[in-house]
Amino acid sequence: MKLYLVPTPIGNLTDITLRALDVLKQADAVLCEDTRTSGFLLKHYDIKKPLYAYHQHNEHKVLEQLISQLQSGKTLALLTDAGTPGISDPGYLLLRECLKHDIPVECLPGATAFVPALVQSGLPTNSFVFEGFLPLKKGRKTKLEQLATEPRTIILYESPHRLAKTLEEMKAFFGATRQATVSRELTKMFEETRRDSLENLAAHYAQHAPKGEIVMVIEGYQPPSKKAAYKRDDEDED
């Protein structure tokens, strides 16, 4: 009786760990965000297991059934399409319910998109905040206002069709000169990381629509130096 949260490659299939493959081979069944995507991965490694859909549209509906299976002694492995379950993907609800029923849960170490994006951004990695996806409507402005003065490096996920708009909003809230990076298609053939100011990134992606999964890393807020503050005071007096 155990639930395993198994990270899967974010692009390159060879990034899966040996331990993840062992767990998938030993599990009684595999829960998948998309059975087609997970089925392709398992077929690549010649692993044959029953696959069951588990995603944001059915996770409440199947929760009781999954808990019953685990309590009966089954070992289940949870996969998302890419990365670590529970990180901007399904997993939290089932994990929380397992803990409530004293069902053992183990999350394996493995791939997640924001770590390589952060490390190769060139921005500070000693202190950062991961915000997942910004709210689409309600609370979006409030969140941007809060993040505008966040001193830690900020990490966000974004969809390619919203990227240009989000960069324009950030330019307005954070300032045009704030440094940032946009990483897309990490670990894949056309992987790209672009480093520049929010103003230049917004202009670039307004003209060049991106494709693939996007990770944004934004420089944390840096308060003006005393020297700069004194200079502005002098200029105001003139």
Foldseek 3Di string as FASTA:
>chain_A
DEEEWAAQAPADRVQGDPVSVVLLQPFQAEEECDCVLVVVSCVVVVRDHHYHYDFPVCPVVCLVVVLVCLVVPGYYYYYYNHGTDPQLTHDPVNVVVCVVVVHHYYYDDGDDPQVVVVVVQPADDPFEDEDEAADPDPCRVVVLLVQLQFQHKYKYKDALVCVLVVLVVNCVRNNQQWKKKKWFPPPHPPTDIDIGGSNVVSVVCVVPRDDGIIMMITHHDDDDDPVVVVVVVVVVVD
